[in-house]
Amino acid sequence: MLKSAHCLDEVQSVITENELSLLYISAPNCGVCHAILPKLENMLSLLPEIATVQADIAQIPEMASVFHALTVPVAIMFYQGKEVWRMAKFFRFAELESELDRWVNFANA
């Protein structure tokens, strides 16, 4: 299960304290966000090297500007605190899995 953040500081903490992290931004009234979440959680459970955090854009609206999240859902991968990859709105799970594996392999090299 993705760790839930309730403020921007919690999100930033996960990103800065971990070599690899993934931020999942969703909204409470987004059906796609809720449909994607179980599959994303399952995929990430197999990759313990990636610290994960989920944030509700309605609860933390400043995330829209901080992370340039113009739509939901959005998943953003960070390496050493810097954004290296993102997927928004339409999730292609084969591409997502490939990117997650690539960054885990890169970090472990």
PDB file of N, CA and C in Angstrom:
ATOM      1  N   MET A   1       0.842  -1.184   0.000  1.00  0.00           N
ATOM      2  CA  MET A   1       0.000   0.000   0.000  1.00  0.00           C
ATOM      3  C   MET A   1       0.886   1.246   0.000  1.00  0.00           C
ATOM      4  N   LEU A   2       0.514   2.218  -0.815  1.00  0.00           N
ATOM      5  CA  LEU A   2       1.249   3.471  -0.885  1.00  0.00           C
ATOM      6  C   LEU A   2       1.036   4.274   0.402  1.00  0.00           C
ATOM      7  N   LYS A   3       2.112   4.879   0.881  1.00  0.00           N
ATOM      8  CA  LYS A   3       2.020   5.743   2.049  1.00  0.00           C
ATOM      9  C   LYS A   3       1.235   6.987   1.657  1.00  0.00           C
ATOM     10  N   SER A   4       0.277   7.383   2.480  1.00  0.00           N
ATOM     11  CA  SER A   4      -0.514   8.583   2.200  1.00  0.00           C
ATOM     12  C   SER A   4       0.133   9.788   2.855  1.00  0.00           C
ATOM     13  N   ALA A   5       0.213  10.870   2.101  1.00  0.00           N
ATOM     14  CA  ALA A   5       0.724  12.134   2.620  1.00  0.00           C
ATOM     15  C   ALA A   5      -0.448  13.086   2.816  1.00  0.00           C
ATOM     16  N   HIS A   6      -0.364  13.883   3.864  1.00  0.00           N
ATOM     17  CA  HIS A   6      -1.443  14.819   4.167  1.00  0.00           C
ATOM     18  C   HIS A   6      -0.999  16.274   4.086  1.00  0.00           C
ATOM     19  N   CYS A   7       0.291  16.472   3.762  1.00  0.00           N
ATOM     20  CA  CYS A   7       0.794  17.833   3.567  1.00  0.00           C
ATOM     21  C   CYS A   7       1.993  17.765   2.617  1.00  0.00           C
ATOM     22  N   LEU A   8       2.335  18.902   2.063  1.00  0.00           N
ATOM     23  CA  LEU A   8       3.428  18.970   1.095  1.00  0.00           C
ATOM     24  C   LEU A   8       4.761  18.560   1.721  1.00  0.00           C
ATOM     25  N   ASP A   9       4.965  18.882   2.988  1.00  0.00           N
ATOM     26  CA  ASP A   9       6.215  18.508   3.660  1.00  0.00           C
ATOM     27  C   ASP A   9       6.400  16.990   3.707  1.00  0.00           C
ATOM     28  N   GLU A  10       5.333  16.244   3.912  1.00  0.00           N
ATOM     29  CA  GLU A  10       5.422  14.778   3.923  1.00  0.00           C
ATOM     30  C   GLU A  10       5.826  14.255   2.551  1.00  0.00           C
ATOM     31  N   VAL A  11       5.275  14.824   1.520  1.00  0.00           N
ATOM     32  CA  VAL A  11       5.614  14.430   0.148  1.00  0.00           C
ATOM     33  C   VAL A  11       7.088  14.731  -0.114  1.00  0.00           C
ATOM     34  N   GLN A  12       7.495  15.950   0.196  1.00  0.00           N
ATOM     35  CA  GLN A  12       8.883  16.365  -0.045  1.00  0.00           C
ATOM     36  C   GLN A  12       9.859  15.500   0.747  1.00  0.00           C
ATOM     37  N   SER A  13       9.475  15.108   1.936  1.00  0.00           N
ATOM     38  CA  SER A  13      10.331  14.274   2.784  1.00  0.00           C
ATOM     39  C   SER A  13      10.611  12.922   2.130  1.00  0.00           C
ATOM     40  N   VAL A  14       9.590  12.287   1.598  1.00  0.00           N
ATOM     41  CA  VAL A  14       9.775  10.989   0.918  1.00  0.00           C
ATOM     42  C   VAL A  14      10.708  11.166  -0.280  1.00  0.00           C
ATOM     43  N   ILE A  15      10.510  12.221  -1.030  1.00  0.00           N
ATOM     44  CA  ILE A  15      11.311  12.460  -2.235  1.00  0.00           C
ATOM     45  C   ILE A  15      12.778  12.726  -1.889  1.00  0.00           C
ATOM     46  N   THR A  16      13.033  13.538  -0.885  1.00  0.00           N
ATOM     47  CA  THR A  16      14.407  13.923  -0.575  1.00  0.00           C
ATOM     48  C   THR A  16      15.163  12.888   0.251  1.00  0.00           C
ATOM     49  N   GLU A  17      14.456  12.063   1.006  1.00  0.00           N
ATOM     50  CA  GLU A  17      15.116  11.103   1.894  1.00  0.00           C
ATOM     51  C   GLU A  17      15.388   9.753   1.244  1.00  0.00           C
ATOM     52  N   ASN A  18      14.944   9.560   0.019  1.00  0.00           N
ATOM     53  CA  ASN A  18      15.107   8.272  -0.651  1.00  0.00           C
ATOM     54  C   ASN A  18      15.762   8.460  -2.010  1.00  0.00           C
ATOM     55  N   GLU A  19      16.623   7.523  -2.365  1.00  0.00           N
ATOM     56  CA  GLU A  19      17.291   7.625  -3.664  1.00  0.00           C
ATOM     57  C   GLU A  19      16.282   7.531  -4.805  1.00  0.00           C
ATOM     58  N   LEU A  20      15.367   6.572  -4.704  1.00  0.00           N
ATOM     59  CA  LEU A  20      14.301   6.406  -5.694  1.00  0.00           C
ATOM     60  C   LEU A  20      12.958   6.568  -4.994  1.00  0.00           C
ATOM     61  N   SER A  21      12.094   7.376  -5.583  1.00  0.00           N
ATOM     62  CA  SER A  21      10.756   7.532  -5.017  1.00  0.00           C
ATOM     63  C   SER A  21       9.751   7.757  -6.134  1.00  0.00           C
ATOM     64  N   LEU A  22       8.509   7.408  -5.833  1.00  0.00           N
ATOM     65  CA  LEU A  22       7.426   7.607  -6.787  1.00  0.00           C
ATOM     66  C   LEU A  22       6.289   8.298  -6.068  1.00  0.00           C
ATOM     67  N   LEU A  23       5.844   9.403  -6.628  1.00  0.00           N
ATOM     68  CA  LEU A  23       4.707  10.164  -6.118  1.00  0.00           C
ATOM     69  C   LEU A  23       3.509   9.880  -7.018  1.00  0.00           C
ATOM     70  N   TYR A  24       2.405   9.463  -6.386  1.00  0.00           N
ATOM     71  CA  TYR A  24       1.157   9.236  -7.114  1.00  0.00           C
ATOM     72  C   TYR A  24       0.172  10.293  -6.648  1.00  0.00           C
ATOM     73  N   ILE A  25      -0.237  11.157  -7.563  1.00  0.00           N
ATOM     74  CA  ILE A  25      -1.180  12.220  -7.245  1.00  0.00           C
ATOM     75  C   ILE A  25      -2.547  11.837  -7.800  1.00  0.00           C
ATOM     76  N   SER A  26      -3.537  11.885  -6.930  1.00  0.00           N
ATOM     77  CA  SER A  26      -4.894  11.522  -7.320  1.00  0.00           C
ATOM     78  C   SER A  26      -5.873  12.555  -6.781  1.00  0.00           C
ATOM     79  N   ALA A  27      -7.143  12.345  -7.090  1.00  0.00           N
ATOM     80  CA  ALA A  27      -8.209  13.218  -6.596  1.00  0.00           C
ATOM     81  C   ALA A  27      -9.343  12.330  -6.096  1.00  0.00           C
ATOM     82  N   PRO A  28     -10.072  12.780  -5.086  1.00  0.00           N
ATOM     83  CA  PRO A  28     -11.112  11.934  -4.501  1.00  0.00           C
ATOM     84  C   PRO A  28     -12.265  11.608  -5.452  1.00  0.00           C
ATOM     85  N   ASN A  29     -12.545  12.477  -6.398  1.00  0.00           N
ATOM     86  CA  ASN A  29     -13.660  12.258  -7.324  1.00  0.00           C
ATOM     87  C   ASN A  29     -13.201  11.714  -8.679  1.00  0.00           C
ATOM     88  N   CYS A  30     -11.993  11.160  -8.736  1.00  0.00           N
ATOM     89  CA  CYS A  30     -11.429  10.653  -9.986  1.00  0.00           C
ATOM     90  C   CYS A  30     -11.561   9.131 -10.029  1.00  0.00           C
ATOM     91  N   GLY A  31     -12.470   8.653 -10.844  1.00  0.00           N
ATOM     92  CA  GLY A  31     -12.673   7.210 -10.978  1.00  0.00           C
ATOM     93  C   GLY A  31     -11.454   6.496 -11.528  1.00  0.00           C
ATOM     94  N   VAL A  32     -10.778   7.111 -12.476  1.00  0.00           N
ATOM     95  CA  VAL A  32      -9.574   6.514 -13.055  1.00  0.00           C
ATOM     96  C   VAL A  32      -8.501   6.367 -11.979  1.00  0.00           C
ATOM     97  N   CYS A  33      -8.350   7.394 -11.146  1.00  0.00           N
ATOM     98  CA  CYS A  33      -7.345   7.353 -10.069  1.00  0.00           C
ATOM     99  C   CYS A  33      -7.564   6.140  -9.173  1.00  0.00           C
ATOM    100  N   HIS A  34      -8.794   5.903  -8.810  1.00  0.00           N
ATOM    101  CA  HIS A  34      -9.119   4.791  -7.908  1.00  0.00           C
ATOM    102  C   HIS A  34      -9.019   3.447  -8.622  1.00  0.00           C
ATOM    103  N   ALA A  35      -9.314   3.403  -9.904  1.00  0.00           N
ATOM    104  CA  ALA A  35      -9.219   2.152 -10.672  1.00  0.00           C
ATOM    105  C   ALA A  35      -7.762   1.735 -10.872  1.00  0.00           C
ATOM    106  N   ILE A  36      -6.877   2.686 -11.076  1.00  0.00           N
ATOM    107  CA  ILE A  36      -5.462   2.416 -11.326  1.00  0.00           C
ATOM    108  C   ILE A  36      -4.724   2.002 -10.061  1.00  0.00           C
ATOM    109  N   LEU A  37      -5.130   2.548  -8.934  1.00  0.00           N
ATOM    110  CA  LEU A  37      -4.380   2.396  -7.694  1.00  0.00           C
ATOM    111  C   LEU A  37      -4.054   0.949  -7.315  1.00  0.00           C
ATOM    112  N   PRO A  38      -4.992   0.004  -7.323  1.00  0.00           N
ATOM    113  CA  PRO A  38      -4.633  -1.371  -6.930  1.00  0.00           C
ATOM    114  C   PRO A  38      -3.568  -2.001  -7.825  1.00  0.00           C
ATOM    115  N   LYS A  39      -3.651  -1.771  -9.103  1.00  0.00           N
ATOM    116  CA  LYS A  39      -2.660  -2.323 -10.023  1.00  0.00           C
ATOM    117  C   LYS A  39      -1.293  -1.676  -9.794  1.00  0.00           C
ATOM    118  N   LEU A  40      -1.283  -0.377  -9.571  1.00  0.00           N
ATOM    119  CA  LEU A  40      -0.041   0.342  -9.282  1.00  0.00           C
ATOM    120  C   LEU A  40       0.563  -0.162  -7.974  1.00  0.00           C
ATOM    121  N   GLU A  41      -0.252  -0.307  -6.948  1.00  0.00           N
ATOM    122  CA  GLU A  41       0.237  -0.809  -5.658  1.00  0.00           C
ATOM    123  C   GLU A  41       0.819  -2.210  -5.792  1.00  0.00           C
ATOM    124  N   ASN A  42       0.168  -3.051  -6.559  1.00  0.00           N
ATOM    125  CA  ASN A  42       0.673  -4.406  -6.773  1.00  0.00           C
ATOM    126  C   ASN A  42       2.034  -4.370  -7.465  1.00  0.00           C
ATOM    127  N   MET A  43       2.154  -3.554  -8.481  1.00  0.00           N
ATOM    128  CA  MET A  43       3.406  -3.429  -9.220  1.00  0.00           C
ATOM    129  C   MET A  43       4.521  -2.923  -8.302  1.00  0.00           C
ATOM    130  N   LEU A  44       4.216  -1.904  -7.504  1.00  0.00           N
ATOM    131  CA  LEU A  44       5.225  -1.311  -6.632  1.00  0.00           C
ATOM    132  C   LEU A  44       5.580  -2.206  -5.456  1.00  0.00           C
ATOM    133  N   SER A  45       4.686  -3.104  -5.074  1.00  0.00           N
ATOM    134  CA  SER A  45       4.997  -4.028  -3.972  1.00  0.00           C
ATOM    135  C   SER A  45       6.139  -4.966  -4.350  1.00  0.00           C
ATOM    136  N   LEU A  46       6.360  -5.162  -5.626  1.00  0.00           N
ATOM    137  CA  LEU A  46       7.447  -6.016  -6.106  1.00  0.00           C
ATOM    138  C   LEU A  46       8.761  -5.252  -6.245  1.00  0.00           C
ATOM    139  N   LEU A  47       8.728  -3.955  -5.976  1.00  0.00           N
ATOM    140  CA  LEU A  47       9.913  -3.103  -6.124  1.00  0.00           C
ATOM    141  C   LEU A  47      10.160  -2.322  -4.830  1.00  0.00           C
ATOM    142  N   PRO A  48      10.618  -3.004  -3.782  1.00  0.00           N
ATOM    143  CA  PRO A  48      10.796  -2.322  -2.491  1.00  0.00           C
ATOM    144  C   PRO A  48      11.879  -1.239  -2.508  1.00  0.00           C
ATOM    145  N   GLU A  49      12.680  -1.191  -3.558  1.00  0.00           N
ATOM    146  CA  GLU A  49      13.714  -0.158  -3.672  1.00  0.00           C
ATOM    147  C   GLU A  49      13.117   1.230  -3.910  1.00  0.00           C
ATOM    148  N   ILE A  50      11.860   1.267  -4.329  1.00  0.00           N
ATOM    149  CA  ILE A  50      11.202   2.545  -4.632  1.00  0.00           C
ATOM    150  C   ILE A  50      10.323   2.952  -3.452  1.00  0.00           C
ATOM    151  N   ALA A  51      10.662   4.083  -2.844  1.00  0.00           N
ATOM    152  CA  ALA A  51       9.807   4.643  -1.796  1.00  0.00           C
ATOM    153  C   ALA A  51       8.591   5.255  -2.483  1.00  0.00           C
ATOM    154  N   THR A  52       7.435   5.043  -1.926  1.00  0.00           N
ATOM    155  CA  THR A  52       6.220   5.526  -2.584  1.00  0.00           C
ATOM    156  C   THR A  52       5.409   6.424  -1.663  1.00  0.00           C
ATOM    157  N   VAL A  53       4.708   7.337  -2.269  1.00  0.00           N
ATOM    158  CA  VAL A  53       3.812   8.217  -1.527  1.00  0.00           C
ATOM    159  C   VAL A  53       2.641   8.595  -2.432  1.00  0.00           C
ATOM    160  N   GLN A  54       1.465   8.606  -1.850  1.00  0.00           N
ATOM    161  CA  GLN A  54       0.256   9.009  -2.566  1.00  0.00           C
ATOM    162  C   GLN A  54      -0.257  10.285  -1.927  1.00  0.00           C
ATOM    163  N   ALA A  55      -0.679  11.217  -2.754  1.00  0.00           N
ATOM    164  CA  ALA A  55      -1.205  12.479  -2.247  1.00  0.00           C
ATOM    165  C   ALA A  55      -2.478  12.850  -2.996  1.00  0.00           C
ATOM    166  N   ASP A  56      -3.416  13.386  -2.259  1.00  0.00           N
ATOM    167  CA  ASP A  56      -4.700  13.827  -2.780  1.00  0.00           C
ATOM    168  C   ASP A  56      -4.592  15.313  -3.120  1.00  0.00           C
ATOM    169  N   ILE A  57      -4.753  15.637  -4.383  1.00  0.00           N
ATOM    170  CA  ILE A  57      -4.594  17.021  -4.828  1.00  0.00           C
ATOM    171  C   ILE A  57      -5.674  17.937  -4.251  1.00  0.00           C
ATOM    172  N   ALA A  58      -6.815  17.379  -3.879  1.00  0.00           N
ATOM    173  CA  ALA A  58      -7.853  18.193  -3.246  1.00  0.00           C
ATOM    174  C   ALA A  58      -7.448  18.558  -1.821  1.00  0.00           C
ATOM    175  N   GLN A  59      -6.699  17.682  -1.171  1.00  0.00           N
ATOM    176  CA  GLN A  59      -6.258  17.916   0.199  1.00  0.00           C
ATOM    177  C   GLN A  59      -5.000  18.801   0.234  1.00  0.00           C
ATOM    178  N   ILE A  60      -4.159  18.671  -0.797  1.00  0.00           N
ATOM    179  CA  ILE A  60      -2.918  19.453  -0.875  1.00  0.00           C
ATOM    180  C   ILE A  60      -2.901  20.168  -2.234  1.00  0.00           C
ATOM    181  N   PRO A  61      -3.709  21.195  -2.410  1.00  0.00           N
ATOM    182  CA  PRO A  61      -3.839  21.825  -3.734  1.00  0.00           C
ATOM    183  C   PRO A  61      -2.552  22.457  -4.268  1.00  0.00           C
ATOM    184  N   GLU A  62      -1.629  22.831  -3.385  1.00  0.00           N
ATOM    185  CA  GLU A  62      -0.385  23.447  -3.857  1.00  0.00           C
ATOM    186  C   GLU A  62       0.484  22.480  -4.653  1.00  0.00           C
ATOM    187  N   MET A  63       0.191  21.180  -4.587  1.00  0.00           N
ATOM    188  CA  MET A  63       0.937  20.212  -5.390  1.00  0.00           C
ATOM    189  C   MET A  63       0.783  20.471  -6.877  1.00  0.00           C
ATOM    190  N   ALA A  64      -0.343  21.024  -7.278  1.00  0.00           N
ATOM    191  CA  ALA A  64      -0.565  21.310  -8.701  1.00  0.00           C
ATOM    192  C   ALA A  64       0.532  22.203  -9.248  1.00  0.00           C
ATOM    193  N   SER A  65       0.905  23.224  -8.496  1.00  0.00           N
ATOM    194  CA  SER A  65       1.946  24.125  -8.985  1.00  0.00           C
ATOM    195  C   SER A  65       3.346  23.600  -8.693  1.00  0.00           C
ATOM    196  N   VAL A  66       3.550  23.003  -7.538  1.00  0.00           N
ATOM    197  CA  VAL A  66       4.883  22.508  -7.178  1.00  0.00           C
ATOM    198  C   VAL A  66       5.347  21.408  -8.130  1.00  0.00           C
ATOM    199  N   PHE A  67       4.431  20.496  -8.485  1.00  0.00           N
ATOM    200  CA  PHE A  67       4.785  19.353  -9.328  1.00  0.00           C
ATOM    201  C   PHE A  67       4.232  19.464 -10.750  1.00  0.00           C
ATOM    202  N   HIS A  68       3.693  20.605 -11.103  1.00  0.00           N
ATOM    203  CA  HIS A  68       3.127  20.823 -12.440  1.00  0.00           C
ATOM    204  C   HIS A  68       2.130  19.712 -12.788  1.00  0.00           C
ATOM    205  N   ALA A  69       1.280  19.409 -11.841  1.00  0.00           N
ATOM    206  CA  ALA A  69       0.261  18.375 -12.018  1.00  0.00           C
ATOM    207  C   ALA A  69      -1.013  19.038 -12.536  1.00  0.00           C
ATOM    208  N   LEU A  70      -1.153  19.033 -13.848  1.00  0.00           N
ATOM    209  CA  LEU A  70      -2.282  19.703 -14.484  1.00  0.00           C
ATOM    210  C   LEU A  70      -3.467  18.779 -14.687  1.00  0.00           C
ATOM    211  N   THR A  71      -3.267  17.487 -14.442  1.00  0.00           N
ATOM    212  CA  THR A  71      -4.320  16.499 -14.561  1.00  0.00           C
ATOM    213  C   THR A  71      -4.039  15.396 -13.561  1.00  0.00           C
ATOM    214  N   VAL A  72      -5.024  14.591 -13.271  1.00  0.00           N
ATOM    215  CA  VAL A  72      -4.827  13.412 -12.430  1.00  0.00           C
ATOM    216  C   VAL A  72      -5.426  12.221 -13.156  1.00  0.00           C
ATOM    217  N   PRO A  73      -4.953  11.062 -12.897  1.00  0.00           N
ATOM    218  CA  PRO A  73      -3.837  10.719 -12.019  1.00  0.00           C
ATOM    219  C   PRO A  73      -2.501  11.041 -12.685  1.00  0.00           C
ATOM    220  N   VAL A  74      -1.487  11.201 -11.839  1.00  0.00           N
ATOM    221  CA  VAL A  74      -0.130  11.382 -12.328  1.00  0.00           C
ATOM    222  C   VAL A  74       0.819  10.631 -11.396  1.00  0.00           C
ATOM    223  N   ALA A  75       1.775   9.948 -12.002  1.00  0.00           N
ATOM    224  CA  ALA A  75       2.835   9.269 -11.266  1.00  0.00           C
ATOM    225  C   ALA A  75       4.145   9.912 -11.684  1.00  0.00           C
ATOM    226  N   ILE A  76       4.936  10.315 -10.687  1.00  0.00           N
ATOM    227  CA  ILE A  76       6.208  10.990 -10.968  1.00  0.00           C
ATOM    228  C   ILE A  76       7.321  10.228 -10.262  1.00  0.00           C
ATOM    229  N   MET A  77       8.329   9.837 -11.027  1.00  0.00           N
ATOM    230  CA  MET A  77       9.489   9.131 -10.479  1.00  0.00           C
ATOM    231  C   MET A  77      10.593  10.138 -10.202  1.00  0.00           C
ATOM    232  N   PHE A  78      11.220  10.000  -9.039  1.00  0.00           N
ATOM    233  CA  PHE A  78      12.332  10.858  -8.640  1.00  0.00           C
ATOM    234  C   PHE A  78      13.561  10.006  -8.370  1.00  0.00           C
ATOM    235  N   TYR A  79      14.701  10.484  -8.824  1.00  0.00           N
ATOM    236  CA  TYR A  79      15.987   9.864  -8.530  1.00  0.00           C
ATOM    237  C   TYR A  79      16.849  10.938  -7.870  1.00  0.00           C
ATOM    238  N   GLN A  80      17.288  10.654  -6.666  1.00  0.00           N
ATOM    239  CA  GLN A  80      18.076  11.602  -5.881  1.00  0.00           C
ATOM    240  C   GLN A  80      17.391  12.970  -5.809  1.00  0.00           C
ATOM    241  N   GLY A  81      16.069  12.939  -5.614  1.00  0.00           N
ATOM    242  CA  GLY A  81      15.291  14.156  -5.420  1.00  0.00           C
ATOM    243  C   GLY A  81      14.923  14.917  -6.675  1.00  0.00           C
ATOM    244  N   LYS A  82      15.339  14.428  -7.828  1.00  0.00           N
ATOM    245  CA  LYS A  82      15.042  15.121  -9.087  1.00  0.00           C
ATOM    246  C   LYS A  82      14.064  14.291  -9.922  1.00  0.00           C
ATOM    247  N   GLU A  83      13.108  14.968 -10.519  1.00  0.00           N
ATOM    248  CA  GLU A  83      12.156  14.269 -11.384  1.00  0.00           C
ATOM    249  C   GLU A  83      12.879  13.702 -12.599  1.00  0.00           C
ATOM    250  N   VAL A  84      12.645  12.411 -12.859  1.00  0.00           N
ATOM    251  CA  VAL A  84      13.285  11.770 -14.007  1.00  0.00           C
ATOM    252  C   VAL A  84      12.272  11.179 -14.990  1.00  0.00           C
ATOM    253  N   TRP A  85      11.018  11.051 -14.554  1.00  0.00           N
ATOM    254  CA  TRP A  85      10.028  10.447 -15.437  1.00  0.00           C
ATOM    255  C   TRP A  85       8.647  10.698 -14.864  1.00  0.00           C
ATOM    256  N   ARG A  86       7.647  10.809 -15.756  1.00  0.00           N
ATOM    257  CA  ARG A  86       6.261  10.939 -15.293  1.00  0.00           C
ATOM    258  C   ARG A  86       5.306  10.329 -16.299  1.00  0.00           C
ATOM    259  N   MET A  87       4.165   9.932 -15.775  1.00  0.00           N
ATOM    260  CA  MET A  87       3.070   9.421 -16.599  1.00  0.00           C
ATOM    261  C   MET A  87       1.801  10.048 -16.038  1.00  0.00           C
ATOM    262  N   ALA A  88       0.973  10.606 -16.917  1.00  0.00           N
ATOM    263  CA  ALA A  88      -0.236  11.277 -16.458  1.00  0.00           C
ATOM    264  C   ALA A  88      -1.439  10.903 -17.311  1.00  0.00           C
ATOM    265  N   LYS A  89      -2.579  10.927 -16.670  1.00  0.00           N
ATOM    266  CA  LYS A  89      -3.890  10.748 -17.279  1.00  0.00           C
ATOM    267  C   LYS A  89      -4.119   9.331 -17.814  1.00  0.00           C
ATOM    268  N   PHE A  90      -3.372   8.925 -18.820  1.00  0.00           N
ATOM    269  CA  PHE A  90      -3.547   7.600 -19.414  1.00  0.00           C
ATOM    270  C   PHE A  90      -2.355   6.727 -19.037  1.00  0.00           C
ATOM    271  N   PHE A  91      -2.587   5.702 -18.241  1.00  0.00           N
ATOM    272  CA  PHE A  91      -1.503   4.856 -17.772  1.00  0.00           C
ATOM    273  C   PHE A  91      -1.350   3.636 -18.675  1.00  0.00           C
ATOM    274  N   ARG A  92      -0.156   3.476 -19.184  1.00  0.00           N
ATOM    275  CA  ARG A  92       0.208   2.305 -19.976  1.00  0.00           C
ATOM    276  C   ARG A  92       1.101   1.472 -19.067  1.00  0.00           C
ATOM    277  N   PHE A  93       0.532   0.406 -18.503  1.00  0.00           N
ATOM    278  CA  PHE A  93       1.222  -0.327 -17.453  1.00  0.00           C
ATOM    279  C   PHE A  93       2.472  -1.047 -17.933  1.00  0.00           C
ATOM    280  N   ALA A  94       2.536  -1.461 -19.180  1.00  0.00           N
ATOM    281  CA  ALA A  94       3.757  -2.086 -19.695  1.00  0.00           C
ATOM    282  C   ALA A  94       4.887  -1.063 -19.703  1.00  0.00           C
ATOM    283  N   GLU A  95       4.594   0.159 -20.121  1.00  0.00           N
ATOM    284  CA  GLU A  95       5.599   1.223 -20.124  1.00  0.00           C
ATOM    285  C   GLU A  95       5.986   1.593 -18.691  1.00  0.00           C
ATOM    286  N   LEU A  96       5.004   1.678 -17.816  1.00  0.00           N
ATOM    287  CA  LEU A  96       5.264   2.002 -16.416  1.00  0.00           C
ATOM    288  C   LEU A  96       6.176   0.959 -15.785  1.00  0.00           C
ATOM    289  N   GLU A  97       5.874  -0.304 -15.986  1.00  0.00           N
ATOM    290  CA  GLU A  97       6.690  -1.379 -15.426  1.00  0.00           C
ATOM    291  C   GLU A  97       8.120  -1.325 -15.972  1.00  0.00           C
ATOM    292  N   SER A  98       8.252  -1.078 -17.256  1.00  0.00           N
ATOM    293  CA  SER A  98       9.564  -0.969 -17.877  1.00  0.00           C
ATOM    294  C   SER A  98      10.373   0.187 -17.283  1.00  0.00           C
ATOM    295  N   GLU A  99       9.754   1.331 -17.107  1.00  0.00           N
ATOM    296  CA  GLU A  99      10.443   2.498 -16.537  1.00  0.00           C
ATOM    297  C   GLU A  99      10.833   2.260 -15.088  1.00  0.00           C
ATOM    298  N   LEU A 100       9.943   1.674 -14.306  1.00  0.00           N
ATOM    299  CA  LEU A 100      10.270   1.391 -12.905  1.00  0.00           C
ATOM    300  C   LEU A 100      11.454   0.439 -12.818  1.00  0.00           C
ATOM    301  N   ASP A 101      11.433  -0.614 -13.614  1.00  0.00           N
ATOM    302  CA  ASP A 101      12.546  -1.570 -13.632  1.00  0.00           C
ATOM    303  C   ASP A 101      13.842  -0.887 -14.065  1.00  0.00           C
ATOM    304  N   ARG A 102      13.747  -0.050 -15.065  1.00  0.00           N
ATOM    305  CA  ARG A 102      14.938   0.647 -15.572  1.00  0.00           C
ATOM    306  C   ARG A 102      15.574   1.506 -14.489  1.00  0.00           C
ATOM    307  N   TRP A 103      14.771   2.247 -13.735  1.00  0.00           N
ATOM    308  CA  TRP A 103      15.325   3.114 -12.699  1.00  0.00           C
ATOM    309  C   TRP A 103      15.839   2.325 -11.509  1.00  0.00           C
ATOM    310  N   VAL A 104      15.211   1.218 -11.179  1.00  0.00           N
ATOM    311  CA  VAL A 104      15.728   0.361 -10.110  1.00  0.00           C
ATOM    312  C   VAL A 104      17.083  -0.195 -10.521  1.00  0.00           C
ATOM    313  N   ASN A 105      17.178  -0.683 -11.757  1.00  0.00           N
ATOM    314  CA  ASN A 105      18.456  -1.206 -12.249  1.00  0.00           C
ATOM    315  C   ASN A 105      19.521  -0.122 -12.304  1.00  0.00           C
ATOM    316  N   PHE A 106      19.164   1.063 -12.716  1.00  0.00           N
ATOM    317  CA  PHE A 106      20.095   2.185 -12.763  1.00  0.00           C
ATOM    318  C   PHE A 106      20.613   2.525 -11.367  1.00  0.00           C
ATOM    319  N   ALA A 107      19.706   2.609 -10.405  1.00  0.00           N
ATOM    320  CA  ALA A 107      20.085   2.960  -9.026  1.00  0.00           C
ATOM    321  C   ALA A 107      20.957   1.884  -8.396  1.00  0.00           C
ATOM    322  N   ASN A 108      20.744   0.620  -8.801  1.00  0.00           N
ATOM    323  CA  ASN A 108      21.508  -0.492  -8.229  1.00  0.00           C
ATOM    324  C   ASN A 108      22.827  -0.728  -8.937  1.00  0.00           C
ATOM    325  N   ALA A 109      23.066  -0.044 -10.051  1.00  0.00           N
ATOM    326  CA  ALA A 109      24.302  -0.268 -10.820  1.00  0.00           C
ATOM    327  C   ALA A 109      25.516   0.320 -10.138  1.00  0.00           C
TER     328      ALA A 109
END
